[in-house]
Amino acid sequence: MKQRHSIIFIILSLLVILLFTADLGAGSIRIPLRNVWGALTGGECPRDQALIVTHIRLIKGIAALLAGAALSVSGLQMQTLFRNPLAGPYVLGISSGASLGVALFILGAPFMRLPSWVMQFGIAGAAWIGAGAVLLVIAVAGRRIRDIMVILILGMMFSSGVSAIVQILQYLSRDEALKSFVIWTMGSLGEIRWPQMWILLPSVAVGLILAIATIKPLNLLLFGEEYAASMGLEVRRSRSLLFISTTLLAGSVTAFCGPIGFIGLAMPHVTRMIVGDSDHRILLPATILSGAAIMLVCDIASRLLVLPINAITALVGIPVVIAVVLRNSHR
C-alpha cells in the first residue's frame, strides 16, 4: 500500500509540473517550451514572449496552483467535519460574505471616485472583511452550539440571507457597477499582480499549515464528534482551527480570484477514488496535488476557449457531484 501511495504521489507531482509548464505556454499566443524555459531562467527567448511569461502567465499559473490546492483542501475539511459528501469550502457562507463585501464596495466605489489601484486592493479587502465577518458569526455559534449539523444549517441559512441582500444591492446598482460585480462572480485568475500575490501566497500557506496540523483531528472526526471526544480530542478547539483554516484558504482565493465553484466540492471525492484511502495523512497532500492539477487544466481550457474560469470548473465538477449523489442514493 505504501508503495502504491508513493507511485501516486510521484505521478501527481509530475502531472502538476507538466501542466504548470503547459499553462505557461498555452494561450492566444502559443509559446514553445524552450522559450518558456528561457524566459524563466534568463536564457534565449524573444523579449515579447519573455514578458508574457514572467509578467502575466507565471502569475496566473501560481494563482491556479494556490486556488486549486486551497479550495480542494478546504472542501475536504468541511466534508470530513460535517460528514457530508456535498459539503464544500463555501458551506459556512464564506462566499456569500465575500460577495456581500464586494457588492457593497463596488456599489459605493463609483461615488467615491477611487483610483484603479485602490479598486484592485479594495475589492480583495472587501471580500476579506465579508468572509471574516461570516467566520466571526460562525465561530461564536460554534462555541455555543454542540451539534455540528445545527451549525451547518445555520451556515446555509446565513448564506441564503446574505445572498438575498446581495441580490437587492444588484437590483439597486447602476449598470457599470452591476457589470463589474457580475464579472467578479465569474471568477478570474488574471486579475492578480505580484503585489497581490505576496498577500495571497502567505495567506494560503498559513491555511495549509493549519490544515496539516489538523490531520489527526480530521481522522478522529471521520467517526463522529462523540467518538473523537471519547478519544480525548478537544472538539470545539479542533472545530475552530478547521473554521479558521477554511476561511483563510477559501476566503483568500475568493478575495483575489472571485468565487470559484465546484473544485472544492468535487476534488476531495476524486482524490479519494485515486488513493483509495480515507487516512488524511495520505488524503490531504494528495488533495493538494490533485486540486492544483485540475485547476491548471481548467485554466488552460478557459484560456484556449476564452471562457470564464467558473464555466470550466462547473463543467468539470458537476459530473463528479452527480456521480457522488447517485452512488450515495444506492447505498
Protein backbone atom coordinates (compact mmCIF):
# COMPACT_ATOMS: atom_id res chain seq x y z
CA MET A 1 0.00 0.00 0.00
CA LYS A 2 2.83 2.42 0.87
CA GLN A 3 4.49 1.69 -2.47
CA ARG A 4 1.21 2.37 -4.28
CA HIS A 5 0.80 5.69 -2.48
CA SER A 6 4.39 6.66 -3.32
CA ILE A 7 3.74 5.96 -7.00
CA ILE A 8 0.54 8.03 -6.87
CA PHE A 9 2.37 10.99 -5.30
CA ILE A 10 5.14 10.79 -7.89
CA ILE A 11 2.61 10.70 -10.76
CA LEU A 12 0.57 13.59 -9.33
CA SER A 13 3.71 15.68 -8.75
CA LEU A 14 4.95 15.10 -12.31
CA LEU A 15 1.47 15.87 -13.63
CA VAL A 16 1.40 19.20 -11.77
CA ILE A 17 4.84 20.13 -13.15
CA LEU A 18 3.84 19.21 -16.73
CA LEU A 19 0.53 21.07 -16.51
CA PHE A 20 2.19 24.14 -14.97
CA THR A 21 4.67 24.21 -17.85
CA ALA A 22 1.85 23.77 -20.38
CA ASP A 23 -0.10 26.56 -18.66
CA LEU A 24 2.80 28.97 -19.20
CA GLY A 25 2.89 28.19 -22.91
CA ALA A 26 -0.84 27.99 -23.68
CA GLY A 27 -2.94 30.91 -24.79
CA SER A 28 -3.81 33.08 -27.77
CA ILE A 29 -0.07 33.42 -28.34
CA ARG A 30 1.48 29.96 -28.16
CA ILE A 31 4.95 29.96 -26.64
CA PRO A 32 7.24 26.94 -27.27
CA LEU A 33 8.56 25.04 -24.27
CA ARG A 34 12.17 26.07 -24.94
CA ASN A 35 11.15 29.75 -24.90
CA VAL A 36 9.19 29.25 -21.66
CA TRP A 37 12.29 27.72 -20.09
CA GLY A 38 14.42 30.55 -21.45
CA ALA A 39 12.09 33.18 -20.03
CA LEU A 40 12.16 31.58 -16.58
CA THR A 41 15.94 31.02 -16.48
CA GLY A 42 17.08 34.18 -18.28
CA GLY A 43 18.15 32.23 -21.36
CA GLU A 44 17.31 32.78 -25.00
CA CYS A 45 13.74 33.92 -25.55
CA PRO A 46 12.15 36.73 -27.59
CA ARG A 47 11.58 39.74 -25.34
CA ASP A 48 7.82 39.96 -26.01
CA GLN A 49 7.34 36.28 -25.15
CA ALA A 50 9.52 36.60 -22.04
CA LEU A 51 7.37 39.48 -20.80
CA ILE A 52 4.19 37.47 -21.39
CA VAL A 53 5.57 34.51 -19.42
CA THR A 54 7.04 36.41 -16.46
CA HIS A 55 4.50 39.24 -16.09
CA ILE A 56 1.23 37.51 -16.97
CA ARG A 57 1.24 33.73 -17.29
CA LEU A 58 3.59 32.95 -14.41
CA ILE A 59 1.33 34.83 -12.00
CA LYS A 60 -1.77 33.09 -13.39
CA GLY A 61 -0.06 29.72 -13.13
CA ILE A 62 0.89 30.27 -9.49
CA ALA A 63 -2.63 31.55 -8.77
CA ALA A 64 -4.08 28.38 -10.33
CA LEU A 65 -1.81 26.21 -8.14
CA LEU A 66 -2.81 28.09 -4.98
CA ALA A 67 -6.52 28.25 -5.82
CA GLY A 68 -6.78 24.56 -6.72
CA ALA A 69 -4.92 23.42 -3.62
CA ALA A 70 -6.71 25.82 -1.25
CA LEU A 71 -10.26 25.12 -2.44
CA SER A 72 -9.75 21.35 -2.59
CA VAL A 73 -8.28 21.15 0.93
CA SER A 74 -10.96 23.41 2.42
CA GLY A 75 -13.62 21.25 0.75
CA LEU A 76 -12.03 18.11 2.21
CA GLN A 77 -12.03 19.67 5.68
CA MET A 78 -15.70 20.61 5.52
CA GLN A 79 -16.78 17.22 4.15
CA THR A 80 -14.97 15.47 6.99
CA LEU A 81 -16.13 17.87 9.71
CA PHE A 82 -19.80 17.80 8.70
CA ARG A 83 -19.64 14.16 7.49
CA ASN A 84 -21.50 15.33 4.41
CA PRO A 85 -20.23 14.42 0.92
CA LEU A 86 -21.90 17.52 -0.56
CA ALA A 87 -20.27 19.99 1.83
CA GLY A 88 -17.82 22.37 0.18
CA PRO A 89 -15.48 25.23 1.06
CA TYR A 90 -18.35 27.73 0.90
CA VAL A 91 -20.74 25.79 3.12
CA LEU A 92 -20.15 28.20 6.02
CA GLY A 93 -21.28 31.17 3.94
CA ILE A 94 -17.73 32.40 3.22
CA SER A 95 -18.53 33.02 -0.45
CA SER A 96 -21.75 34.87 0.40
CA GLY A 97 -19.98 37.05 2.95
CA ALA A 98 -17.24 37.86 0.45
CA SER A 99 -19.86 38.63 -2.21
CA LEU A 100 -21.65 40.99 0.15
CA GLY A 101 -18.42 42.83 0.92
CA VAL A 102 -17.60 43.17 -2.78
CA ALA A 103 -21.15 44.23 -3.66
CA LEU A 104 -21.08 46.96 -1.02
CA PHE A 105 -17.66 48.15 -2.19
CA ILE A 106 -18.46 48.15 -5.91
CA LEU A 107 -21.78 49.89 -5.27
CA GLY A 108 -20.12 52.63 -3.22
CA ALA A 109 -16.79 52.97 -5.06
CA PRO A 110 -18.17 54.88 -8.11
CA PHE A 111 -19.46 57.61 -5.80
CA MET A 112 -16.03 57.92 -4.11
CA ARG A 113 -14.11 58.00 -7.45
CA LEU A 114 -11.27 55.85 -6.16
CA PRO A 115 -8.02 55.27 -8.12
CA SER A 116 -7.70 51.99 -10.04
CA TRP A 117 -5.06 50.55 -7.68
CA VAL A 118 -7.31 51.23 -4.71
CA MET A 119 -10.13 49.46 -6.55
CA GLN A 120 -7.97 46.36 -7.12
CA PHE A 121 -6.96 46.02 -3.47
CA GLY A 122 -10.31 47.36 -2.27
CA ILE A 123 -12.29 44.54 -3.84
CA ALA A 124 -9.98 41.96 -2.27
CA GLY A 125 -10.14 43.75 1.08
CA ALA A 126 -13.92 43.99 0.96
CA ALA A 127 -14.17 40.28 0.18
CA TRP A 128 -11.83 39.50 3.08
CA ILE A 129 -13.85 41.62 5.50
CA GLY A 130 -17.08 39.94 4.38
CA ALA A 131 -15.62 36.45 4.72
CA GLY A 132 -14.09 37.34 8.11
CA ALA A 133 -17.41 38.66 9.40
CA VAL A 134 -19.05 35.35 8.49
CA LEU A 135 -16.25 33.44 10.25
CA LEU A 136 -16.79 35.53 13.39
CA VAL A 137 -20.51 34.74 13.45
CA ILE A 138 -19.91 31.02 12.83
CA ALA A 139 -17.12 30.91 15.44
CA VAL A 140 -19.39 32.44 18.09
CA ALA A 141 -22.15 29.98 17.16
CA GLY A 142 -19.65 27.11 17.27
CA ARG A 143 -18.71 27.98 20.84
CA ARG A 144 -22.33 27.90 21.98
CA ILE A 145 -23.73 25.04 19.87
CA ARG A 146 -22.51 21.49 20.29
CA ASP A 147 -24.36 19.85 17.38
CA ILE A 148 -22.30 20.30 14.19
CA MET A 149 -25.38 19.79 11.99
CA VAL A 150 -27.06 22.81 13.60
CA ILE A 151 -24.00 24.87 12.63
CA LEU A 152 -24.28 23.54 9.08
CA ILE A 153 -27.95 24.58 8.87
CA LEU A 154 -27.16 28.00 10.36
CA GLY A 155 -24.38 28.47 7.81
CA MET A 156 -26.73 27.62 4.96
CA MET A 157 -29.47 29.94 6.25
CA PHE A 158 -26.98 32.74 6.85
CA SER A 159 -25.63 32.26 3.33
CA SER A 160 -29.14 32.46 1.86
CA GLY A 161 -29.92 35.63 3.82
CA VAL A 162 -26.70 37.33 2.71
CA SER A 163 -27.34 36.27 -0.89
CA ALA A 164 -30.75 37.94 -0.70
CA ILE A 165 -29.10 41.19 0.42
CA VAL A 166 -26.62 40.91 -2.46
CA GLN A 167 -29.48 40.50 -4.91
CA ILE A 168 -31.14 43.65 -3.54
CA LEU A 169 -27.87 45.56 -3.97
CA GLN A 170 -27.58 44.27 -7.54
CA TYR A 171 -31.12 45.41 -8.29
CA LEU A 172 -30.39 48.91 -6.95
CA SER A 173 -26.94 49.29 -8.50
CA ARG A 174 -26.07 51.17 -11.68
CA ASP A 175 -25.23 49.35 -14.91
CA GLU A 176 -21.46 49.81 -14.67
CA ALA A 177 -21.28 48.68 -11.05
CA LEU A 178 -23.55 45.71 -11.78
CA LYS A 179 -21.35 44.65 -14.70
CA SER A 180 -18.21 44.84 -12.54
CA PHE A 181 -19.82 42.70 -9.85
CA VAL A 182 -21.11 40.09 -12.32
CA ILE A 183 -17.64 39.81 -13.88
CA TRP A 184 -16.17 39.28 -10.39
CA THR A 185 -18.65 36.46 -9.69
CA MET A 186 -17.45 34.65 -12.85
CA GLY A 187 -14.03 34.16 -11.26
CA SER A 188 -10.69 35.07 -12.77
CA LEU A 189 -7.06 34.16 -12.24
CA GLY A 190 -5.84 37.02 -14.41
CA GLU A 191 -6.58 39.98 -12.12
CA ILE A 192 -3.72 39.22 -9.73
CA ARG A 193 -0.41 41.06 -9.89
CA TRP A 194 2.79 40.50 -7.93
CA PRO A 195 1.89 42.89 -5.04
CA GLN A 196 -1.37 40.96 -4.55
CA MET A 197 0.41 37.62 -4.92
CA TRP A 198 2.57 38.44 -1.88
CA ILE A 199 -0.65 38.63 0.13
CA LEU A 200 -2.38 35.59 -1.38
CA LEU A 201 0.65 33.28 -1.12
CA PRO A 202 1.30 33.60 2.64
CA SER A 203 -2.44 33.52 3.42
CA VAL A 204 -2.87 30.21 1.60
CA ALA A 205 0.39 28.89 3.09
CA VAL A 206 -0.83 29.57 6.64
CA GLY A 207 -4.17 27.95 5.84
CA LEU A 208 -2.45 24.83 4.51
CA ILE A 209 -0.16 24.65 7.56
CA LEU A 210 -3.23 24.77 9.81
CA ALA A 211 -4.84 22.07 7.67
CA ILE A 212 -1.78 19.84 8.08
CA ALA A 213 -1.86 20.47 11.84
CA THR A 214 -5.46 19.18 11.93
CA ILE A 215 -4.75 15.87 10.16
CA LYS A 216 -5.07 13.83 13.36
CA PRO A 217 -8.33 15.55 14.45
CA LEU A 218 -9.73 15.02 10.94
CA ASN A 219 -9.01 11.27 11.16
CA LEU A 220 -10.81 11.12 14.50
CA LEU A 221 -13.75 13.19 13.21
CA LEU A 222 -14.32 10.62 10.46
CA PHE A 223 -16.17 8.57 13.11
CA GLY A 224 -18.14 11.48 14.51
CA GLU A 225 -17.61 14.13 17.18
CA GLU A 226 -18.74 11.88 20.03
CA TYR A 227 -16.13 9.25 19.15
CA ALA A 228 -13.47 11.96 18.72
CA ALA A 229 -14.32 13.41 22.14
CA SER A 230 -14.17 9.96 23.74
CA MET A 231 -10.63 9.62 22.33
CA GLY A 232 -9.57 12.81 24.11
CA LEU A 233 -9.95 15.28 21.24
CA GLU A 234 -10.91 18.85 22.15
CA VAL A 235 -13.68 19.02 19.59
CA ARG A 236 -14.53 22.70 19.84
CA ARG A 237 -10.87 23.75 19.60
CA SER A 238 -10.34 21.50 16.59
CA ARG A 239 -13.54 22.79 15.02
CA SER A 240 -12.34 26.38 15.45
CA LEU A 241 -8.98 25.56 13.83
CA LEU A 242 -10.79 23.98 10.88
CA PHE A 243 -13.02 27.04 10.50
CA ILE A 244 -10.01 29.37 10.56
CA SER A 245 -8.11 27.22 8.06
CA THR A 246 -11.08 27.02 5.70
CA THR A 247 -11.67 30.77 5.90
CA LEU A 248 -8.00 31.51 5.17
CA LEU A 249 -7.98 29.12 2.21
CA ALA A 250 -11.38 29.75 0.64
CA GLY A 251 -11.56 33.38 1.76
CA SER A 252 -8.15 34.27 0.29
CA VAL A 253 -8.92 32.65 -3.05
CA THR A 254 -12.37 34.25 -3.20
CA ALA A 255 -10.94 37.66 -2.34
CA PHE A 256 -8.40 37.68 -5.17
CA CYS A 257 -9.91 35.30 -7.75
CA GLY A 258 -13.65 35.53 -7.14
CA PRO A 259 -15.96 32.69 -6.04
CA ILE A 260 -14.64 29.68 -7.99
CA GLY A 261 -17.15 26.85 -7.75
CA PHE A 262 -17.15 23.03 -7.77
CA ILE A 263 -13.38 22.48 -7.34
CA GLY A 264 -13.64 22.27 -3.55
CA LEU A 265 -16.74 20.12 -3.79
CA ALA A 266 -15.54 17.64 -6.42
CA MET A 267 -11.79 17.18 -5.96
CA PRO A 268 -11.85 15.56 -2.48
CA HIS A 269 -14.05 12.80 -3.97
CA VAL A 270 -11.79 12.38 -6.99
CA THR A 271 -8.77 12.14 -4.71
CA ARG A 272 -10.44 9.52 -2.51
CA MET A 273 -11.04 7.41 -5.61
CA ILE A 274 -7.42 7.86 -6.73
CA VAL A 275 -5.72 6.97 -3.43
CA GLY A 276 -8.35 4.51 -2.20
CA ASP A 277 -7.77 5.60 1.40
CA SER A 278 -9.57 7.81 3.93
CA ASP A 279 -6.45 8.46 6.04
CA HIS A 280 -5.89 12.22 5.91
CA ARG A 281 -2.13 11.72 6.18
CA ILE A 282 -2.39 10.43 2.62
CA LEU A 283 -5.57 12.12 1.51
CA LEU A 284 -4.71 15.73 2.36
CA PRO A 285 -1.38 16.02 0.46
CA ALA A 286 -2.88 14.08 -2.45
CA THR A 287 -5.80 16.53 -2.47
CA ILE A 288 -3.37 19.45 -2.65
CA LEU A 289 -1.70 17.96 -5.73
CA SER A 290 -4.87 16.82 -7.49
CA GLY A 291 -6.63 20.14 -6.81
CA ALA A 292 -3.68 22.09 -8.20
CA ALA A 293 -3.56 19.82 -11.28
CA ILE A 294 -7.25 20.14 -12.15
CA MET A 295 -7.18 23.91 -11.65
CA LEU A 296 -4.30 24.14 -14.11
CA VAL A 297 -6.33 22.09 -16.59
CA CYS A 298 -9.30 24.45 -16.12
CA ASP A 299 -7.06 27.50 -16.57
CA ILE A 300 -5.61 26.11 -19.80
CA ALA A 301 -9.10 25.27 -21.11
CA SER A 302 -10.53 28.69 -20.18
CA ARG A 303 -7.62 30.41 -21.90
CA LEU A 304 -7.88 28.37 -25.10
CA LEU A 305 -11.69 28.58 -25.26
CA VAL A 306 -11.79 32.21 -23.99
CA LEU A 307 -14.38 31.38 -21.32
CA PRO A 308 -14.72 32.39 -17.63
CA ILE A 309 -12.93 30.01 -15.26
CA ASN A 310 -16.19 29.27 -13.40
CA ALA A 311 -17.79 27.93 -16.59
CA ILE A 312 -14.95 25.42 -16.98
CA THR A 313 -14.86 24.35 -13.31
CA ALA A 314 -18.63 23.77 -13.41
CA LEU A 315 -18.35 21.55 -16.48
CA VAL A 316 -15.60 19.57 -14.72
CA GLY A 317 -17.18 19.43 -11.27
CA ILE A 318 -20.87 18.83 -11.98
CA PRO A 319 -20.43 15.25 -13.33
CA VAL A 320 -18.45 14.34 -10.21
CA VAL A 321 -21.13 15.75 -7.90
CA ILE A 322 -23.87 13.89 -9.81
CA ALA A 323 -21.87 10.66 -9.55
CA VAL A 324 -21.48 11.13 -5.78
CA VAL A 325 -25.23 11.76 -5.33
CA LEU A 326 -26.16 8.70 -7.41
CA ARG A 327 -23.66 6.49 -5.57
CA ASN A 328 -24.98 7.57 -2.18
CA SER A 329 -28.59 7.08 -3.26
CA HIS A 330 -27.92 3.37 -3.94
CA ARG A 331 -26.41 2.71 -0.52
